[in-house]
N, C-alpha and C. Protein backbone atom coordinates (compact mmCIF):
# COMPACT_ATOMS: atom_id res chain seq x y z
N MET A 1 110.86 133.08 122.31
CA MET A 1 110.73 131.80 122.91
C MET A 1 111.83 131.43 121.65
N SER A 2 112.69 130.33 121.72
CA SER A 2 114.16 130.19 120.20
C SER A 2 113.59 128.73 119.96
N ASP A 3 114.33 128.45 119.08
CA ASP A 3 114.48 127.32 118.45
C ASP A 3 114.43 126.21 118.81
N SER A 4 115.55 126.06 120.17
CA SER A 4 115.43 125.35 120.70
C SER A 4 114.91 125.08 121.87
N GLU A 5 113.68 125.84 121.71
CA GLU A 5 112.98 126.10 123.14
C GLU A 5 111.62 124.47 122.71
N ASP A 6 111.40 125.14 120.77
CA ASP A 6 109.85 124.28 120.25
C ASP A 6 111.03 123.34 120.25
N ILE A 7 111.76 122.45 120.41
CA ILE A 7 112.28 120.95 120.10
C ILE A 7 111.49 120.29 121.67
N ALA A 8 110.81 118.83 121.23
CA ALA A 8 110.70 117.85 122.29
C ALA A 8 111.53 117.54 121.91
N LYS A 9 111.77 116.39 123.00
CA LYS A 9 112.66 115.53 123.01
C LYS A 9 111.78 114.10 123.41
N ILE A 10 112.27 113.25 123.45
CA ILE A 10 111.32 111.94 124.00
C ILE A 10 112.08 110.52 123.94
N ARG A 11 111.84 109.90 124.70
CA ARG A 11 112.57 108.33 124.86
C ARG A 11 111.16 107.81 124.21
N VAL A 12 112.01 106.54 123.06
CA VAL A 12 110.56 105.85 122.95
C VAL A 12 111.26 104.45 122.90
N THR A 13 110.52 102.96 122.88
CA THR A 13 111.16 101.86 122.78
C THR A 13 110.50 101.35 121.18
N ILE A 14 110.82 100.86 120.32
CA ILE A 14 111.06 100.28 119.41
C ILE A 14 111.68 99.18 118.74
N MET A 15 111.11 97.97 118.94
CA MET A 15 111.47 96.23 118.72
C MET A 15 112.56 96.33 119.89
N GLY A 16 112.52 96.66 121.26
CA GLY A 16 112.85 96.43 121.87
C GLY A 16 114.62 97.33 122.61
N ARG A 17 114.61 98.30 121.50
CA ARG A 17 115.52 99.42 121.51
C ARG A 17 114.85 100.36 122.52
N GLU A 18 115.88 101.14 123.03
CA GLU A 18 114.95 102.68 123.72
C GLU A 18 116.28 103.72 122.40
N TYR A 19 115.11 104.40 121.97
CA TYR A 19 115.20 105.37 121.16
C TYR A 19 115.25 106.62 121.76
N THR A 20 115.69 108.47 121.22
CA THR A 20 115.36 109.37 121.54
C THR A 20 114.81 109.89 120.46
N LEU A 21 113.45 110.77 120.17
CA LEU A 21 113.68 111.85 119.36
C LEU A 21 113.95 113.10 119.90
N ARG A 22 113.94 114.13 118.88
CA ARG A 22 113.55 115.11 119.03
C ARG A 22 113.15 115.95 117.57
N GLY A 23 112.01 116.43 117.95
CA GLY A 23 111.04 116.86 117.13
C GLY A 23 110.28 118.08 117.39
N ASP A 24 109.64 119.09 116.47
CA ASP A 24 109.03 120.15 117.15
C ASP A 24 107.43 119.77 116.84
N LEU A 25 107.10 118.67 116.94
CA LEU A 25 105.69 117.46 117.24
C LEU A 25 105.49 117.71 118.68
N ASN A 26 104.52 117.97 118.77
CA ASN A 26 103.71 117.09 119.82
C ASN A 26 104.01 115.80 120.61
N PRO A 27 105.52 115.94 122.16
CA PRO A 27 105.27 114.48 122.33
C PRO A 27 104.44 113.73 122.48
N GLU A 28 103.34 113.84 123.01
CA GLU A 28 102.38 112.97 122.78
C GLU A 28 102.28 112.12 121.12
N TYR A 29 101.91 112.86 120.11
CA TYR A 29 101.76 112.31 119.32
C TYR A 29 103.56 111.91 118.91
N MET A 30 104.50 112.38 119.01
CA MET A 30 105.71 111.58 118.97
C MET A 30 105.72 109.89 119.39
N GLU A 31 105.14 110.15 120.41
CA GLU A 31 104.82 108.42 120.73
C GLU A 31 104.06 108.03 120.61
N THR A 32 103.08 108.54 120.45
CA THR A 32 101.28 107.77 119.66
C THR A 32 102.27 107.11 118.22
N LEU A 33 102.95 107.54 117.95
CA LEU A 33 103.69 107.54 116.43
C LEU A 33 104.43 105.76 116.38
N ALA A 34 105.66 106.17 117.10
CA ALA A 34 106.17 105.18 117.77
C ALA A 34 105.49 103.87 118.46
N LYS A 35 104.46 103.45 119.27
CA LYS A 35 104.12 103.10 119.53
C LYS A 35 103.14 102.56 118.13
N ARG A 36 102.94 103.22 117.17
CA ARG A 36 102.05 102.85 115.92
C ARG A 36 103.48 101.72 115.05
N VAL A 37 104.47 102.25 115.12
CA VAL A 37 105.13 101.33 114.59
C VAL A 37 106.45 99.88 115.35
N ASN A 38 105.80 100.60 116.57
CA ASN A 38 106.28 99.36 117.29
C ASN A 38 105.44 98.24 116.92
N ASP A 39 104.31 98.22 117.14
CA ASP A 39 102.83 97.61 117.76
C ASP A 39 103.17 97.10 116.02
N LYS A 40 103.21 97.86 114.65
CA LYS A 40 102.92 96.89 113.35
C LYS A 40 104.42 96.55 113.10
N ILE A 41 105.13 96.28 113.71
CA ILE A 41 106.18 95.72 113.56
C ILE A 41 106.18 94.05 114.74
N GLU A 42 105.63 94.05 115.80
CA GLU A 42 104.99 93.26 116.79
C GLU A 42 104.42 92.05 115.84
N ASP A 43 103.07 93.09 115.11
CA ASP A 43 102.44 91.87 114.41
C ASP A 43 102.73 91.60 113.09
N LEU A 44 103.64 92.49 112.71
CA LEU A 44 103.85 91.02 111.73
C LEU A 44 105.15 90.42 112.09
N ARG A 45 106.27 90.29 113.43
CA ARG A 45 106.54 89.68 113.68
C ARG A 45 105.93 88.35 113.76
N SER A 46 104.45 88.53 114.54
CA SER A 46 103.93 86.94 115.06
C SER A 46 103.73 86.54 113.45
N VAL A 47 103.41 87.07 112.61
CA VAL A 47 102.76 86.30 111.41
C VAL A 47 104.06 86.40 110.39
N ALA A 48 104.95 86.53 110.67
CA ALA A 48 106.18 86.22 109.59
C ALA A 48 108.01 86.01 110.51
N SER A 49 107.48 84.83 111.28
CA SER A 49 108.84 84.27 111.84
C SER A 49 110.24 83.96 110.76
N GLY A 50 111.22 84.58 112.02
CA GLY A 50 112.70 83.96 111.31
C GLY A 50 112.60 86.03 110.54
N VAL A 51 111.94 86.40 110.54
CA VAL A 51 112.31 87.70 109.10
C VAL A 51 113.31 88.37 110.50
N ASP A 52 114.58 88.65 110.51
CA ASP A 52 115.60 90.06 110.88
C ASP A 52 114.80 91.13 110.53
N ALA A 53 114.94 92.10 111.72
CA ALA A 53 114.92 93.40 112.23
C ALA A 53 114.60 93.79 111.35
N LEU A 54 115.54 94.00 110.01
CA LEU A 54 115.55 95.27 108.64
C LEU A 54 114.19 94.80 107.87
N GLN A 55 113.97 93.33 107.73
CA GLN A 55 113.50 93.12 106.98
C GLN A 55 111.84 93.30 107.82
N LEU A 56 111.72 93.39 109.12
CA LEU A 56 110.73 93.82 109.57
C LEU A 56 110.24 95.08 109.17
N ALA A 57 111.08 95.70 109.46
CA ALA A 57 111.19 96.89 109.23
C ALA A 57 110.96 97.42 108.06
N ILE A 58 111.25 96.99 107.19
CA ILE A 58 110.73 97.17 105.52
C ILE A 58 109.36 96.89 105.16
N LEU A 59 109.21 95.76 106.37
CA LEU A 59 107.58 94.91 105.97
C LEU A 59 106.15 96.64 106.49
N ALA A 60 107.46 96.99 107.79
CA ALA A 60 106.49 97.88 108.57
C ALA A 60 105.80 99.01 107.63
N ALA A 61 107.24 99.28 107.20
CA ALA A 61 107.34 101.16 105.99
C ALA A 61 106.39 100.11 105.03
N LEU A 62 106.59 99.18 104.85
CA LEU A 62 105.44 98.55 103.50
C LEU A 62 103.88 98.93 103.38
N ASN A 63 104.15 99.01 104.84
CA ASN A 63 102.69 98.46 105.34
C ASN A 63 102.11 99.96 105.20
N PHE A 64 102.92 100.89 105.49
CA PHE A 64 102.54 102.07 106.02
C PHE A 64 102.24 103.12 105.23
N ALA A 65 102.57 102.62 103.92
CA ALA A 65 102.60 102.96 102.41
C ALA A 65 101.84 103.14 102.23
N ASP A 66 101.19 101.40 102.02
CA ASP A 66 99.59 100.93 101.09
C ASP A 66 98.89 101.86 101.89
N GLU A 67 98.57 101.90 103.15
CA GLU A 67 97.90 102.76 104.01
C GLU A 67 98.05 104.25 103.91
N ALA A 68 98.99 104.90 103.30
CA ALA A 68 98.69 106.07 102.81
C ALA A 68 98.23 106.07 101.84
N GLU A 69 98.71 105.47 100.56
CA GLU A 69 98.10 105.38 99.46
C GLU A 69 96.64 105.28 99.65
N GLN A 70 96.12 104.45 100.06
CA GLN A 70 95.18 103.90 99.89
C GLN A 70 94.34 105.62 101.03
N LEU A 71 94.40 105.90 101.43
CA LEU A 71 94.48 107.47 102.58
C LEU A 71 94.19 108.47 101.26
N THR A 72 95.22 108.21 100.33
CA THR A 72 95.51 109.98 99.79
C THR A 72 94.58 109.00 98.40
N GLY A 73 94.06 108.67 97.96
CA GLY A 73 93.15 108.21 96.72
C GLY A 73 91.76 108.92 97.10
N GLY A 74 92.19 109.87 95.84
CA GLY A 74 90.14 111.22 95.69
C GLY A 74 90.96 111.64 96.76
N GLN A 75 91.32 112.86 97.40
CA GLN A 75 92.12 113.42 98.14
C GLN A 75 91.73 114.97 96.92
N SER A 76 91.67 115.92 97.61
CA SER A 76 91.79 117.05 96.54
C SER A 76 93.78 117.69 96.85
N PRO A 77 94.03 118.03 95.96
CA PRO A 77 95.68 118.56 96.09
C PRO A 77 95.78 119.31 97.48
N THR A 78 94.64 120.36 97.69
CA THR A 78 94.90 120.78 98.79
C THR A 78 95.17 120.23 100.06
N GLU A 79 94.62 118.69 100.41
CA GLU A 79 94.30 117.94 100.98
C GLU A 79 95.80 116.95 101.18
N LEU A 80 95.92 116.70 99.48
CA LEU A 80 97.76 115.54 99.84
C LEU A 80 98.44 116.87 99.85
N GLY A 81 99.11 117.86 99.73
CA GLY A 81 99.88 119.06 100.01
C GLY A 81 100.08 118.77 101.53
N ASP A 82 98.84 118.55 102.62
CA ASP A 82 98.91 118.92 103.52
C ASP A 82 99.87 117.33 104.56
N ILE A 83 99.21 116.71 103.68
CA ILE A 83 100.06 115.52 104.09
C ILE A 83 101.50 114.96 103.05
N GLU A 84 101.44 115.81 102.42
CA GLU A 84 103.25 116.35 101.68
C GLU A 84 103.60 116.87 103.10
N GLU A 85 104.08 118.05 103.33
CA GLU A 85 104.05 118.16 104.29
C GLU A 85 104.16 117.74 105.55
N LYS A 86 103.17 117.11 105.74
CA LYS A 86 102.88 116.48 107.51
C LYS A 86 103.92 115.29 107.66
N THR A 87 104.33 114.55 106.32
CA THR A 87 105.25 113.82 105.41
C THR A 87 106.82 114.39 105.54
N ARG A 88 107.38 115.32 104.43
CA ARG A 88 108.53 115.87 105.36
C ARG A 88 107.95 116.34 106.43
N ARG A 89 107.69 117.08 107.71
CA ARG A 89 107.77 116.93 108.61
C ARG A 89 108.11 116.22 109.47
N LEU A 90 107.98 114.82 109.34
CA LEU A 90 108.47 113.71 109.75
C LEU A 90 109.26 113.20 109.13
N ILE A 91 109.62 113.20 107.91
CA ILE A 91 111.10 112.83 107.72
C ILE A 91 112.36 113.76 108.15
N SER A 92 111.93 115.11 108.54
CA SER A 92 113.11 116.18 109.30
C SER A 92 113.14 115.49 110.94
N MET A 93 112.41 115.34 111.28
CA MET A 93 112.21 114.76 112.94
C MET A 93 113.23 113.67 112.61
N LEU A 94 112.90 112.45 111.77
CA LEU A 94 113.74 111.28 111.85
C LEU A 94 115.52 111.65 111.82
N GLU A 95 115.14 112.13 110.53
CA GLU A 95 116.69 112.56 110.28
C GLU A 95 117.68 113.07 111.19
N LYS A 96 116.70 114.79 112.19
CA LYS A 96 117.72 115.05 112.62
C LYS A 96 117.80 114.69 114.33
N GLY A 97 116.42 113.80 114.36
CA GLY A 97 115.94 113.72 115.68
C GLY A 97 116.54 112.35 116.69
N ILE A 98 116.39 110.98 115.93
CA ILE A 98 117.05 110.01 115.90
C ILE A 98 118.24 109.88 116.83
N VAL A 99 118.55 109.81 117.79
CA VAL A 99 120.10 109.57 118.75
C VAL A 99 120.37 108.57 118.74
N GLY A 100 119.47 107.44 119.07
CA GLY A 100 120.00 106.03 119.36
C GLY A 100 119.28 105.50 120.86
N ASP A 101 120.22 104.71 120.90
CA ASP A 101 120.43 104.44 121.91
C ASP A 101 121.25 105.43 122.67
N VAL A 102 120.71 106.13 124.05
CA VAL A 102 121.26 107.12 124.64
C VAL A 102 121.01 106.63 126.18
């Protein structure tokens, strides 16, 4: 199987815009991540009226960072390494995979 066969490509909607994501993660998992991001942004939009899209995205990122920080408290180095590796893979997916409106 070639590397290109291992890459999933899915369409998701975040903040009313469609994006194509590509990555080596399970497509259902990528959809779940996109839905969580969209849901978090929509929750924030409902309590932060007048905030632009970039500010909403930053607020969502800060919320997710806070959740991750709380989850890693008291974790063993091995568990933290696993979280770090997963984070690197997600960042790589974003850097390589977000195609934008297609």
